[in-house]
């Protein structure tokens, strides 16, 4: 199951630029780096490249099967001298590794990974989470509806090494969004009222052009 959201449109971006006195974007002024059609880029920031949780996350990716092509953009947030090459990766060419060279925080680290991604769809995955079986396929097929911006699923979250599907968002007021397509405006209205989201924000598959249109993740070291 997945929840599909359609809160973004080019009209919103255009009106926002007018309010700020900025010129209208054109294809020449705002170009997105070339992407590979039908490829899903899975983005994972980590501060510990040797974490055993990363190995579990990788096993979850392997369990997705071959129905949906994917690449794993693994971005290390730290100095090069702390980098350790994970031996369990072997020679899997779908895994792209890079080191920030310093500590920038996970939001900026995600942006570095996004800049290296090649997929038309981008799946966020924390270093201590595991994708559910067929998660990439479910999100991929949901986003074949062009008006939808992103699809939200669930992940297995590792707490002290123990797997759990539960997260704090399920105990928030007014949660319980139905599966399927959610009308535009529902999620921003919830965010405005409760200062939070009604789902786990790091289990989202995005349209790549939407992430670029928003400018990626807020580039702060202490907040995302």
N, C-alpha and C. Protein backbone atom coordinates (compact mmCIF):
# COMPACT_ATOMS: atom_id res chain seq x y z
N UNK A 1 0.85 -1.19 0.00
CA UNK A 1 0.00 0.00 0.00
C UNK A 1 0.88 1.24 0.00
N UNK A 2 0.33 2.29 -0.55
CA UNK A 2 1.08 3.54 -0.55
C UNK A 2 0.10 4.69 -0.58
N UNK A 3 0.57 5.85 -0.16
CA UNK A 3 -0.24 7.06 -0.22
C UNK A 3 0.39 7.97 -1.26
N UNK A 4 -0.43 8.51 -2.14
CA UNK A 4 0.09 9.29 -3.27
C UNK A 4 -0.38 10.73 -3.14
N UNK A 5 0.55 11.66 -3.23
CA UNK A 5 0.23 13.05 -3.00
C UNK A 5 0.44 13.88 -4.26
N UNK A 6 -0.40 14.90 -4.40
CA UNK A 6 -0.33 15.74 -5.60
C UNK A 6 -0.35 17.21 -5.21
N UNK A 7 0.51 17.60 -4.26
CA UNK A 7 0.48 18.96 -3.72
C UNK A 7 1.28 19.96 -4.54
N UNK A 8 2.06 19.49 -5.49
CA UNK A 8 2.95 20.39 -6.23
C UNK A 8 2.42 20.65 -7.63
N UNK A 9 2.54 21.85 -8.09
CA UNK A 9 2.23 22.15 -9.49
C UNK A 9 3.11 23.30 -9.94
N UNK A 10 3.31 23.42 -11.25
CA UNK A 10 4.13 24.51 -11.77
C UNK A 10 3.49 25.86 -11.51
N UNK A 11 2.15 25.90 -11.37
CA UNK A 11 1.47 27.16 -11.10
C UNK A 11 1.89 27.73 -9.76
N UNK A 12 2.06 26.85 -8.77
CA UNK A 12 2.49 27.30 -7.45
C UNK A 12 3.88 27.92 -7.54
N UNK A 13 4.79 27.24 -8.25
CA UNK A 13 6.15 27.76 -8.39
C UNK A 13 6.17 29.10 -9.10
N UNK A 14 5.35 29.25 -10.14
CA UNK A 14 5.33 30.49 -10.91
C UNK A 14 4.81 31.64 -10.07
N UNK A 15 3.70 31.41 -9.33
CA UNK A 15 3.14 32.49 -8.53
C UNK A 15 4.08 32.88 -7.40
N UNK A 16 4.80 31.91 -6.86
CA UNK A 16 5.75 32.20 -5.79
C UNK A 16 6.87 33.09 -6.29
N UNK A 17 7.34 32.85 -7.49
CA UNK A 17 8.42 33.67 -8.05
C UNK A 17 7.92 35.10 -8.31
N UNK A 18 6.67 35.25 -8.74
CA UNK A 18 6.13 36.59 -8.97
C UNK A 18 6.07 37.39 -7.68
N UNK A 19 5.67 36.72 -6.58
CA UNK A 19 5.60 37.40 -5.29
C UNK A 19 6.97 37.89 -4.85
N UNK A 20 8.00 37.16 -5.19
CA UNK A 20 9.35 37.51 -4.78
C UNK A 20 10.05 38.43 -5.78
N UNK A 21 9.33 38.79 -6.85
CA UNK A 21 9.91 39.67 -7.85
C UNK A 21 10.96 39.00 -8.72
N UNK A 22 10.91 37.67 -8.83
CA UNK A 22 11.89 36.95 -9.63
C UNK A 22 11.36 36.74 -11.04
N UNK A 23 12.24 36.64 -12.03
CA UNK A 23 11.79 36.41 -13.41
C UNK A 23 11.20 35.02 -13.56
N UNK A 24 10.31 34.88 -14.53
CA UNK A 24 9.74 33.57 -14.81
C UNK A 24 10.83 32.62 -15.30
N UNK A 25 10.74 31.35 -14.88
CA UNK A 25 11.72 30.37 -15.33
C UNK A 25 11.38 29.93 -16.75
N UNK A 26 12.43 29.66 -17.49
CA UNK A 26 12.28 29.04 -18.81
C UNK A 26 13.07 27.74 -18.81
N UNK A 27 12.91 26.96 -19.83
CA UNK A 27 13.65 25.71 -19.92
C UNK A 27 15.16 25.95 -19.94
N UNK A 28 15.56 27.09 -20.51
CA UNK A 28 16.99 27.40 -20.57
C UNK A 28 17.51 27.86 -19.21
N UNK A 29 16.66 28.60 -18.46
CA UNK A 29 17.12 29.18 -17.19
C UNK A 29 17.07 28.17 -16.05
N UNK A 30 16.22 27.15 -16.18
CA UNK A 30 16.07 26.19 -15.10
C UNK A 30 16.06 24.79 -15.69
N UNK A 31 17.24 24.22 -15.85
CA UNK A 31 17.35 22.91 -16.46
C UNK A 31 17.75 21.88 -15.42
N UNK A 32 17.10 20.72 -15.46
CA UNK A 32 17.40 19.63 -14.55
C UNK A 32 18.42 18.72 -15.22
N UNK A 33 19.47 18.31 -14.49
CA UNK A 33 20.45 17.40 -15.08
C UNK A 33 19.79 16.18 -15.70
N UNK A 34 20.33 15.64 -16.77
CA UNK A 34 19.70 14.51 -17.47
C UNK A 34 19.48 13.34 -16.53
N UNK A 35 18.34 12.69 -16.70
CA UNK A 35 17.99 11.53 -15.87
C UNK A 35 17.73 10.33 -16.76
N UNK A 36 17.88 9.17 -16.17
CA UNK A 36 17.64 7.92 -16.88
C UNK A 36 16.22 7.44 -16.62
N UNK A 37 15.44 7.34 -17.67
CA UNK A 37 14.02 6.98 -17.55
C UNK A 37 13.87 5.62 -16.88
N UNK A 38 12.87 5.53 -15.98
CA UNK A 38 12.49 4.28 -15.29
C UNK A 38 13.53 3.80 -14.30
N UNK A 39 14.53 4.62 -13.99
CA UNK A 39 15.51 4.27 -12.96
C UNK A 39 15.12 4.94 -11.65
N UNK A 40 15.18 4.18 -10.55
CA UNK A 40 14.93 4.75 -9.22
C UNK A 40 16.26 4.94 -8.51
N UNK A 41 16.53 6.17 -8.09
CA UNK A 41 17.74 6.48 -7.32
C UNK A 41 17.38 6.45 -5.83
N UNK A 42 18.00 5.54 -5.11
CA UNK A 42 17.78 5.43 -3.67
C UNK A 42 18.88 6.21 -2.96
N UNK A 43 18.49 7.22 -2.17
CA UNK A 43 19.44 8.13 -1.54
C UNK A 43 19.54 7.82 -0.05
N UNK A 44 20.78 7.57 0.41
CA UNK A 44 21.01 7.27 1.83
C UNK A 44 22.21 8.06 2.35
N UNK A 45 21.99 8.98 3.28
CA UNK A 45 23.12 9.63 3.97
C UNK A 45 23.51 8.78 5.18
N UNK A 46 24.79 8.77 5.50
CA UNK A 46 25.24 8.02 6.67
C UNK A 46 26.45 8.69 7.30
N UNK A 47 26.57 8.60 8.61
CA UNK A 47 27.76 9.10 9.29
C UNK A 47 28.67 7.94 9.71
N UNK A 48 28.25 6.70 9.42
CA UNK A 48 29.04 5.53 9.78
C UNK A 48 29.01 4.53 8.62
N UNK A 49 29.98 4.59 7.71
CA UNK A 49 29.95 3.70 6.55
C UNK A 49 30.14 2.23 6.91
N UNK A 50 30.56 1.96 8.13
CA UNK A 50 30.77 0.58 8.55
C UNK A 50 29.64 0.07 9.44
N UNK A 51 28.52 0.81 9.48
CA UNK A 51 27.40 0.43 10.34
C UNK A 51 26.77 -0.88 9.85
N UNK A 52 26.47 -1.82 10.78
CA UNK A 52 25.80 -3.05 10.37
C UNK A 52 24.40 -2.80 9.83
N UNK A 53 23.78 -1.68 10.23
CA UNK A 53 22.45 -1.36 9.71
C UNK A 53 22.49 -1.13 8.20
N UNK A 54 23.59 -0.55 7.70
CA UNK A 54 23.71 -0.32 6.26
C UNK A 54 23.66 -1.63 5.49
N UNK A 55 24.26 -2.65 6.04
CA UNK A 55 24.24 -3.96 5.40
C UNK A 55 22.81 -4.48 5.31
N UNK A 56 22.02 -4.26 6.36
CA UNK A 56 20.62 -4.66 6.35
C UNK A 56 19.83 -3.86 5.31
N UNK A 57 20.14 -2.56 5.21
CA UNK A 57 19.47 -1.73 4.20
C UNK A 57 19.79 -2.23 2.79
N UNK A 58 21.03 -2.63 2.59
CA UNK A 58 21.45 -3.17 1.28
C UNK A 58 20.74 -4.49 0.97
N UNK A 59 20.58 -5.35 1.97
CA UNK A 59 19.85 -6.60 1.77
C UNK A 59 18.40 -6.32 1.37
N UNK A 60 17.83 -5.26 1.98
CA UNK A 60 16.47 -4.87 1.61
C UNK A 60 16.38 -4.42 0.17
N UNK A 61 17.42 -3.74 -0.32
CA UNK A 61 17.44 -3.34 -1.73
C UNK A 61 17.57 -4.56 -2.64
N UNK A 62 18.42 -5.49 -2.28
CA UNK A 62 18.58 -6.69 -3.09
C UNK A 62 17.28 -7.48 -3.16
N UNK A 63 16.50 -7.43 -2.09
CA UNK A 63 15.24 -8.17 -2.04
C UNK A 63 14.16 -7.55 -2.92
N UNK A 64 14.42 -6.35 -3.47
CA UNK A 64 13.44 -5.72 -4.36
C UNK A 64 13.32 -6.46 -5.68
N UNK A 65 14.30 -7.29 -6.01
CA UNK A 65 14.26 -8.02 -7.26
C UNK A 65 14.72 -7.16 -8.43
N UNK A 66 14.45 -7.64 -9.62
CA UNK A 66 14.94 -6.98 -10.84
C UNK A 66 13.83 -6.29 -11.63
N UNK A 67 12.62 -6.25 -11.09
CA UNK A 67 11.51 -5.67 -11.84
C UNK A 67 11.70 -4.17 -12.07
N UNK A 68 12.25 -3.47 -11.07
CA UNK A 68 12.48 -2.02 -11.16
C UNK A 68 13.98 -1.77 -11.05
N UNK A 69 14.60 -1.20 -12.08
CA UNK A 69 16.04 -0.89 -11.99
C UNK A 69 16.30 0.21 -10.96
N UNK A 70 17.35 0.05 -10.17
CA UNK A 70 17.67 1.03 -9.15
C UNK A 70 19.17 1.25 -9.04
N UNK A 71 19.52 2.37 -8.45
CA UNK A 71 20.89 2.66 -8.05
C UNK A 71 20.84 3.14 -6.61
N UNK A 72 21.89 2.87 -5.87
CA UNK A 72 21.95 3.29 -4.46
C UNK A 72 23.03 4.35 -4.32
N UNK A 73 22.62 5.57 -4.01
CA UNK A 73 23.55 6.68 -3.82
C UNK A 73 23.84 6.77 -2.33
N UNK A 74 24.98 6.27 -1.92
CA UNK A 74 25.38 6.22 -0.52
C UNK A 74 26.37 7.35 -0.26
N UNK A 75 25.96 8.32 0.55
CA UNK A 75 26.75 9.52 0.77
C UNK A 75 27.19 9.59 2.23
N UNK A 76 28.53 9.59 2.45
CA UNK A 76 29.09 9.60 3.80
C UNK A 76 29.28 11.03 4.28
N UNK A 77 28.67 11.37 5.41
CA UNK A 77 28.79 12.70 5.99
C UNK A 77 29.93 12.72 7.00
N UNK A 78 31.12 13.05 6.54
CA UNK A 78 32.28 13.07 7.41
C UNK A 78 33.55 13.26 6.62
N UNK A 79 34.69 13.37 7.31
CA UNK A 79 35.98 13.58 6.65
C UNK A 79 36.48 12.30 5.99
N UNK A 80 37.33 12.47 4.99
CA UNK A 80 37.83 11.32 4.24
C UNK A 80 38.62 10.35 5.10
N UNK A 81 39.30 10.86 6.14
CA UNK A 81 40.11 9.97 6.97
C UNK A 81 39.25 9.01 7.80
N UNK A 82 37.94 9.32 7.93
CA UNK A 82 37.04 8.43 8.67
C UNK A 82 36.31 7.47 7.76
N UNK A 83 36.56 7.56 6.46
CA UNK A 83 35.86 6.72 5.50
C UNK A 83 36.38 5.29 5.54
N UNK A 84 35.46 4.33 5.55
CA UNK A 84 35.80 2.91 5.50
C UNK A 84 34.98 2.28 4.39
N UNK A 85 35.63 1.62 3.46
CA UNK A 85 34.93 0.96 2.36
C UNK A 85 34.20 -0.28 2.89
N UNK A 86 32.86 -0.32 2.79
CA UNK A 86 32.12 -1.50 3.26
C UNK A 86 32.48 -2.74 2.44
N UNK A 87 33.03 -3.74 3.08
CA UNK A 87 33.49 -4.93 2.37
C UNK A 87 32.34 -5.76 1.82
N UNK A 88 31.18 -5.66 2.45
CA UNK A 88 30.05 -6.49 2.04
C UNK A 88 29.41 -6.02 0.73
N UNK A 89 29.80 -4.86 0.24
CA UNK A 89 29.23 -4.37 -1.01
C UNK A 89 29.75 -5.13 -2.23
N UNK A 90 30.95 -5.66 -2.13
CA UNK A 90 31.51 -6.35 -3.28
C UNK A 90 31.73 -5.40 -4.44
N UNK A 91 31.40 -5.85 -5.64
CA UNK A 91 31.61 -5.03 -6.85
C UNK A 91 30.28 -4.65 -7.50
N UNK A 92 29.25 -4.44 -6.71
CA UNK A 92 27.94 -4.05 -7.22
C UNK A 92 28.02 -2.65 -7.82
N UNK A 93 27.92 -2.56 -9.14
CA UNK A 93 28.06 -1.27 -9.83
C UNK A 93 26.85 -0.36 -9.64
N UNK A 94 25.77 -0.89 -9.09
CA UNK A 94 24.59 -0.06 -8.83
C UNK A 94 24.78 0.82 -7.61
N UNK A 95 25.79 0.55 -6.82
CA UNK A 95 26.04 1.31 -5.59
C UNK A 95 27.08 2.39 -5.88
N UNK A 96 26.72 3.65 -5.63
CA UNK A 96 27.60 4.79 -5.87
C UNK A 96 28.00 5.41 -4.53
N UNK A 97 29.28 5.36 -4.20
CA UNK A 97 29.78 5.83 -2.92
C UNK A 97 30.49 7.17 -3.08
N UNK A 98 30.28 8.05 -2.10
CA UNK A 98 31.02 9.32 -2.09
C UNK A 98 31.12 9.84 -0.66
N UNK A 99 32.19 10.56 -0.38
CA UNK A 99 32.44 11.13 0.94
C UNK A 99 32.35 12.66 0.86
N UNK A 100 31.65 13.30 1.81
CA UNK A 100 31.56 14.76 1.82
C UNK A 100 32.91 15.42 2.03
N UNK A 101 33.77 14.79 2.84
CA UNK A 101 35.05 15.40 3.19
C UNK A 101 34.99 16.18 4.49
N UNK A 102 33.76 16.42 4.99
CA UNK A 102 33.55 17.11 6.26
C UNK A 102 32.14 16.81 6.72
N UNK A 103 31.78 17.29 7.91
CA UNK A 103 30.43 17.07 8.44
C UNK A 103 29.52 18.23 7.99
N UNK A 104 28.53 17.91 7.19
CA UNK A 104 27.60 18.92 6.70
C UNK A 104 26.19 18.74 7.24
N UNK A 105 25.89 17.61 7.85
CA UNK A 105 24.52 17.32 8.27
C UNK A 105 23.81 16.52 7.18
N UNK A 106 22.76 15.81 7.58
CA UNK A 106 22.13 14.87 6.65
C UNK A 106 21.34 15.55 5.53
N UNK A 107 20.78 16.74 5.79
CA UNK A 107 20.03 17.41 4.74
C UNK A 107 20.95 17.79 3.57
N UNK A 108 22.08 18.41 3.88
CA UNK A 108 23.03 18.78 2.85
C UNK A 108 23.65 17.54 2.20
N UNK A 109 23.81 16.49 3.01
CA UNK A 109 24.36 15.24 2.46
C UNK A 109 23.39 14.63 1.46
N UNK A 110 22.10 14.71 1.74
CA UNK A 110 21.10 14.23 0.78
C UNK A 110 21.17 15.04 -0.52
N UNK A 111 21.40 16.35 -0.40
CA UNK A 111 21.50 17.18 -1.61
C UNK A 111 22.71 16.78 -2.45
N UNK A 112 23.82 16.46 -1.78
CA UNK A 112 25.00 15.99 -2.52
C UNK A 112 24.67 14.71 -3.28
N UNK A 113 23.95 13.81 -2.61
CA UNK A 113 23.56 12.55 -3.25
C UNK A 113 22.59 12.81 -4.39
N UNK A 114 21.64 13.72 -4.19
CA UNK A 114 20.67 14.05 -5.23
C UNK A 114 21.36 14.56 -6.48
N UNK A 115 22.40 15.36 -6.30
CA UNK A 115 23.13 15.91 -7.44
C UNK A 115 23.81 14.81 -8.25
N UNK A 116 24.09 13.68 -7.62
CA UNK A 116 24.75 12.57 -8.32
C UNK A 116 23.76 11.55 -8.87
N UNK A 117 22.48 11.71 -8.54
CA UNK A 117 21.49 10.71 -8.94
C UNK A 117 21.17 10.80 -10.42
N UNK A 118 20.73 9.68 -10.99
CA UNK A 118 20.40 9.61 -12.42
C UNK A 118 18.97 9.17 -12.67
N UNK A 119 18.23 8.82 -11.63
CA UNK A 119 16.88 8.29 -11.82
C UNK A 119 15.84 9.38 -11.97
N UNK A 120 14.77 9.08 -12.69
CA UNK A 120 13.65 10.02 -12.78
C UNK A 120 12.83 10.01 -11.50
N UNK A 121 13.01 8.95 -10.68
CA UNK A 121 12.35 8.87 -9.38
C UNK A 121 13.43 8.72 -8.31
N UNK A 122 13.19 9.32 -7.13
CA UNK A 122 14.16 9.32 -6.04
C UNK A 122 13.49 8.78 -4.79
N UNK A 123 14.04 7.69 -4.26
CA UNK A 123 13.53 7.08 -3.03
C UNK A 123 14.45 7.46 -1.86
N UNK A 124 13.87 8.05 -0.81
CA UNK A 124 14.66 8.34 0.37
C UNK A 124 14.71 7.09 1.25
N UNK A 125 15.88 6.83 1.82
CA UNK A 125 16.07 5.67 2.69
C UNK A 125 17.12 6.01 3.73
N UNK A 126 16.74 5.99 5.00
CA UNK A 126 17.70 6.24 6.07
C UNK A 126 18.64 5.06 6.23
N UNK A 127 19.79 5.31 6.84
CA UNK A 127 20.80 4.27 7.01
C UNK A 127 20.36 3.19 8.00
N UNK A 128 19.36 3.46 8.83
CA UNK A 128 18.88 2.46 9.78
C UNK A 128 17.47 1.98 9.44
N UNK A 129 17.12 2.06 8.14
CA UNK A 129 15.81 1.60 7.69
C UNK A 129 15.97 0.52 6.62
N UNK A 130 14.93 -0.28 6.44
CA UNK A 130 14.91 -1.33 5.42
C UNK A 130 13.63 -1.19 4.62
N UNK A 131 13.75 -1.17 3.30
CA UNK A 131 12.56 -1.12 2.46
C UNK A 131 11.77 -2.42 2.57
N UNK A 132 10.45 -2.28 2.58
CA UNK A 132 9.60 -3.47 2.56
C UNK A 132 9.70 -4.13 1.20
N UNK A 133 9.43 -5.44 1.11
CA UNK A 133 9.45 -6.12 -0.19
C UNK A 133 8.51 -5.43 -1.19
N UNK A 134 8.99 -5.27 -2.42
CA UNK A 134 8.24 -4.65 -3.52
C UNK A 134 7.98 -3.16 -3.31
N UNK A 135 8.66 -2.54 -2.34
CA UNK A 135 8.43 -1.12 -2.07
C UNK A 135 8.73 -0.25 -3.30
N UNK A 136 9.84 -0.52 -3.97
CA UNK A 136 10.20 0.28 -5.15
C UNK A 136 9.18 0.09 -6.26
N UNK A 137 8.70 -1.12 -6.44
CA UNK A 137 7.71 -1.39 -7.49
C UNK A 137 6.39 -0.68 -7.20
N UNK A 138 5.96 -0.70 -5.94
CA UNK A 138 4.70 -0.05 -5.57
C UNK A 138 4.77 1.45 -5.81
N UNK A 139 5.86 2.08 -5.34
CA UNK A 139 6.02 3.51 -5.56
C UNK A 139 6.15 3.87 -7.02
N UNK A 140 6.92 3.07 -7.75
CA UNK A 140 7.13 3.31 -9.17
C UNK A 140 5.81 3.29 -9.94
N UNK A 141 4.99 2.28 -9.71
CA UNK A 141 3.73 2.16 -10.45
C UNK A 141 2.73 3.24 -10.01
N UNK A 142 2.77 3.65 -8.74
CA UNK A 142 1.88 4.72 -8.29
C UNK A 142 2.20 6.02 -9.00
N UNK A 143 3.48 6.28 -9.23
CA UNK A 143 3.89 7.55 -9.83
C UNK A 143 3.85 7.54 -11.35
N UNK A 144 3.25 6.52 -11.93
CA UNK A 144 2.97 6.58 -13.37
C UNK A 144 1.82 7.53 -13.65
N UNK A 145 1.07 7.91 -12.60
CA UNK A 145 0.04 8.95 -12.73
C UNK A 145 0.76 10.30 -12.69
N UNK A 146 0.75 11.01 -13.78
CA UNK A 146 1.63 12.16 -13.94
C UNK A 146 1.34 13.31 -12.98
N UNK A 147 0.10 13.45 -12.50
CA UNK A 147 -0.21 14.59 -11.64
C UNK A 147 0.31 14.41 -10.21
N UNK A 148 0.76 13.20 -9.88
CA UNK A 148 1.22 12.95 -8.51
C UNK A 148 2.68 13.33 -8.35
N UNK A 149 3.01 13.94 -7.21
CA UNK A 149 4.36 14.42 -6.96
C UNK A 149 5.21 13.39 -6.23
N UNK A 150 4.63 12.71 -5.25
CA UNK A 150 5.40 11.74 -4.48
C UNK A 150 4.47 10.67 -3.91
N UNK A 151 5.06 9.56 -3.56
CA UNK A 151 4.31 8.45 -2.96
C UNK A 151 4.98 8.09 -1.64
N UNK A 152 4.17 7.88 -0.62
CA UNK A 152 4.67 7.58 0.72
C UNK A 152 4.37 6.12 1.06
N UNK A 153 5.40 5.41 1.49
CA UNK A 153 5.22 4.04 1.92
C UNK A 153 5.62 3.87 3.37
N UNK A 154 6.01 2.68 3.73
CA UNK A 154 6.49 2.40 5.08
C UNK A 154 7.82 1.66 4.97
N UNK A 155 8.60 1.75 6.03
CA UNK A 155 9.88 1.06 6.08
C UNK A 155 9.98 0.31 7.40
N UNK A 156 10.89 -0.65 7.44
CA UNK A 156 11.24 -1.29 8.69
C UNK A 156 12.33 -0.46 9.33
N UNK A 157 12.05 0.06 10.50
CA UNK A 157 13.00 0.92 11.20
C UNK A 157 13.74 0.09 12.24
N UNK A 158 15.06 0.19 12.23
CA UNK A 158 15.89 -0.56 13.17
C UNK A 158 16.16 0.28 14.41
N UNK A 159 15.60 -0.14 15.53
CA UNK A 159 15.80 0.54 16.81
C UNK A 159 16.67 -0.36 17.68
N UNK A 160 17.90 0.08 17.93
CA UNK A 160 18.86 -0.74 18.68
C UNK A 160 19.01 -2.12 18.04
N UNK A 161 18.94 -2.15 16.71
CA UNK A 161 19.12 -3.40 16.00
C UNK A 161 17.85 -4.23 15.86
N UNK A 162 16.76 -3.79 16.49
CA UNK A 162 15.51 -4.55 16.44
C UNK A 162 14.57 -3.93 15.41
N UNK A 163 14.03 -4.73 14.49
CA UNK A 163 13.15 -4.19 13.45
C UNK A 163 11.78 -3.81 14.00
N UNK A 164 11.25 -2.68 13.50
CA UNK A 164 9.94 -2.22 13.93
C UNK A 164 9.28 -1.44 12.79
N UNK A 165 7.98 -1.62 12.63
CA UNK A 165 7.23 -0.83 11.65
C UNK A 165 6.61 0.40 12.29
N UNK A 166 6.72 0.54 13.57
CA UNK A 166 6.04 1.60 14.30
C UNK A 166 6.90 2.85 14.30
N UNK A 167 6.24 4.00 14.20
CA UNK A 167 6.95 5.26 14.36
C UNK A 167 6.03 6.27 15.03
N UNK A 168 6.61 7.38 15.48
CA UNK A 168 5.85 8.36 16.24
C UNK A 168 4.71 8.97 15.45
N UNK A 169 4.82 8.98 14.13
CA UNK A 169 3.81 9.63 13.30
C UNK A 169 2.45 8.94 13.42
N UNK A 170 2.46 7.64 13.72
CA UNK A 170 1.19 6.92 13.84
C UNK A 170 0.43 7.32 15.10
N UNK A 171 1.09 8.01 16.02
CA UNK A 171 0.43 8.41 17.25
C UNK A 171 0.12 9.91 17.26
N UNK A 172 0.32 10.56 16.13
CA UNK A 172 0.04 11.98 16.05
C UNK A 172 -1.46 12.21 15.89
N UNK A 173 -1.97 13.36 16.31
CA UNK A 173 -3.40 13.64 16.15
C UNK A 173 -3.79 13.74 14.68
N UNK A 174 -4.95 13.23 14.36
CA UNK A 174 -5.48 13.37 13.01
C UNK A 174 -4.82 12.52 11.96
N UNK A 175 -3.97 11.55 12.37
CA UNK A 175 -3.33 10.70 11.37
C UNK A 175 -4.31 9.62 10.92
N UNK A 176 -3.84 8.79 10.02
CA UNK A 176 -4.71 7.77 9.47
C UNK A 176 -5.14 8.12 8.06
N UNK A 177 -4.21 8.69 7.27
CA UNK A 177 -4.53 8.97 5.88
C UNK A 177 -4.88 7.67 5.17
N UNK A 178 -5.89 7.67 4.33
CA UNK A 178 -6.25 6.43 3.63
C UNK A 178 -5.20 6.08 2.58
N UNK A 179 -5.12 4.81 2.22
CA UNK A 179 -4.26 4.41 1.12
C UNK A 179 -4.85 4.91 -0.18
N UNK A 180 -4.00 5.13 -1.16
CA UNK A 180 -4.47 5.64 -2.44
C UNK A 180 -4.15 7.11 -2.59
N UNK A 181 -4.76 7.75 -3.57
CA UNK A 181 -4.46 9.15 -3.88
C UNK A 181 -5.07 10.09 -2.84
N UNK A 182 -4.25 11.04 -2.39
CA UNK A 182 -4.67 12.04 -1.42
C UNK A 182 -4.81 13.38 -2.14
N UNK A 183 -5.91 14.08 -1.87
CA UNK A 183 -6.17 15.34 -2.57
C UNK A 183 -5.11 16.38 -2.25
N UNK A 184 -4.85 17.24 -3.23
CA UNK A 184 -3.90 18.34 -3.03
C UNK A 184 -4.36 19.22 -1.88
N UNK A 185 -3.41 19.64 -1.05
CA UNK A 185 -3.72 20.53 0.06
C UNK A 185 -3.90 19.87 1.40
N UNK A 186 -4.15 18.55 1.42
CA UNK A 186 -4.40 17.86 2.68
C UNK A 186 -3.15 17.83 3.55
N UNK A 187 -2.02 17.46 2.97
CA UNK A 187 -0.79 17.35 3.75
C UNK A 187 -0.29 18.73 4.21
N UNK A 188 -0.24 19.77 3.34
CA UNK A 188 0.18 21.09 3.84
C UNK A 188 -0.73 21.62 4.94
N UNK A 189 -2.03 21.33 4.85
CA UNK A 189 -2.96 21.78 5.90
C UNK A 189 -2.65 21.10 7.23
N UNK A 190 -2.32 19.82 7.17
CA UNK A 190 -1.95 19.09 8.39
C UNK A 190 -0.66 19.66 8.97
N UNK A 191 0.30 19.91 8.10
CA UNK A 191 1.60 20.46 8.53
C UNK A 191 1.40 21.81 9.21
N UNK A 192 0.52 22.64 8.66
CA UNK A 192 0.26 23.96 9.21
C UNK A 192 -0.40 23.86 10.59
N UNK A 193 -1.30 22.90 10.75
CA UNK A 193 -2.05 22.79 12.00
C UNK A 193 -1.26 22.15 13.12
N UNK A 194 -0.50 21.07 12.79
CA UNK A 194 0.15 20.29 13.83
C UNK A 194 1.68 20.45 13.87
N UNK A 195 2.23 21.22 12.92
CA UNK A 195 3.68 21.42 12.85
C UNK A 195 4.42 20.09 12.71
N UNK A 196 3.84 19.18 11.95
CA UNK A 196 4.44 17.88 11.71
C UNK A 196 3.80 17.28 10.47
N UNK A 197 4.23 16.11 10.09
CA UNK A 197 3.66 15.43 8.93
C UNK A 197 2.90 14.19 9.38
N UNK A 198 1.87 13.78 8.64
CA UNK A 198 1.08 12.61 9.04
C UNK A 198 1.67 11.30 8.53
N UNK A 199 2.94 11.30 8.20
CA UNK A 199 3.59 10.08 7.73
C UNK A 199 5.10 10.22 7.96
N UNK A 200 5.81 9.11 7.78
CA UNK A 200 7.26 9.10 7.96
C UNK A 200 7.91 9.72 6.73
N UNK A 201 8.55 10.88 6.92
CA UNK A 201 9.02 11.66 5.77
C UNK A 201 10.21 11.05 5.06
N UNK A 202 10.86 10.06 5.65
CA UNK A 202 12.00 9.45 4.99
C UNK A 202 11.66 8.11 4.35
N UNK A 203 10.38 7.93 4.04
CA UNK A 203 9.94 6.75 3.29
C UNK A 203 9.17 7.19 2.05
N UNK A 204 9.71 8.21 1.38
CA UNK A 204 9.02 8.82 0.25
C UNK A 204 9.75 8.53 -1.05
N UNK A 205 8.99 8.25 -2.10
CA UNK A 205 9.53 8.22 -3.46
C UNK A 205 9.05 9.49 -4.16
N UNK A 206 10.00 10.27 -4.63
CA UNK A 206 9.73 11.57 -5.24
C UNK A 206 9.90 11.53 -6.75
N UNK A 207 9.21 12.42 -7.42
CA UNK A 207 9.60 12.77 -8.79
C UNK A 207 10.85 13.64 -8.70
N UNK A 208 11.85 13.29 -9.46
CA UNK A 208 13.13 14.01 -9.38
C UNK A 208 12.97 15.50 -9.70
N UNK A 209 12.13 15.81 -10.71
CA UNK A 209 11.99 17.21 -11.10
C UNK A 209 11.32 18.03 -10.00
N UNK A 210 10.50 17.38 -9.18
CA UNK A 210 9.87 18.09 -8.07
C UNK A 210 10.91 18.45 -7.01
N UNK A 211 11.79 17.53 -6.70
CA UNK A 211 12.85 17.81 -5.73
C UNK A 211 13.76 18.94 -6.20
N UNK A 212 14.10 18.93 -7.48
CA UNK A 212 14.93 20.01 -8.02
C UNK A 212 14.18 21.34 -8.01
N UNK A 213 12.87 21.30 -8.30
CA UNK A 213 12.08 22.53 -8.31
C UNK A 213 12.02 23.16 -6.92
N UNK A 214 11.98 22.33 -5.90
CA UNK A 214 11.96 22.83 -4.53
C UNK A 214 13.35 23.21 -4.02
N UNK A 215 14.38 22.81 -4.75
CA UNK A 215 15.73 23.12 -4.32
C UNK A 215 16.33 22.07 -3.40
N UNK A 216 15.73 20.88 -3.38
CA UNK A 216 16.26 19.81 -2.54
C UNK A 216 15.85 19.99 -1.09
N UNK A 217 16.66 19.43 -0.19
CA UNK A 217 16.37 19.51 1.24
C UNK A 217 16.95 20.79 1.81
N UNK A 218 16.29 21.34 2.84
CA UNK A 218 16.74 22.57 3.47
C UNK A 218 18.16 22.39 4.00
N UNK A 219 19.07 23.21 3.54
CA UNK A 219 20.50 23.00 3.78
C UNK A 219 20.94 23.52 5.14
N UNK A 220 20.43 22.92 6.19
CA UNK A 220 20.83 23.26 7.55
C UNK A 220 21.47 22.04 8.20
N UNK A 221 22.44 22.27 9.06
CA UNK A 221 23.13 21.14 9.72
C UNK A 221 22.28 20.51 10.81
N UNK A 222 21.38 21.28 11.41
CA UNK A 222 20.68 20.77 12.58
C UNK A 222 19.20 20.53 12.34
N UNK A 223 18.75 20.66 11.12
CA UNK A 223 17.33 20.47 10.84
C UNK A 223 17.13 20.02 9.41
N UNK A 224 16.06 19.26 9.20
CA UNK A 224 15.72 18.87 7.84
C UNK A 224 14.32 19.35 7.48
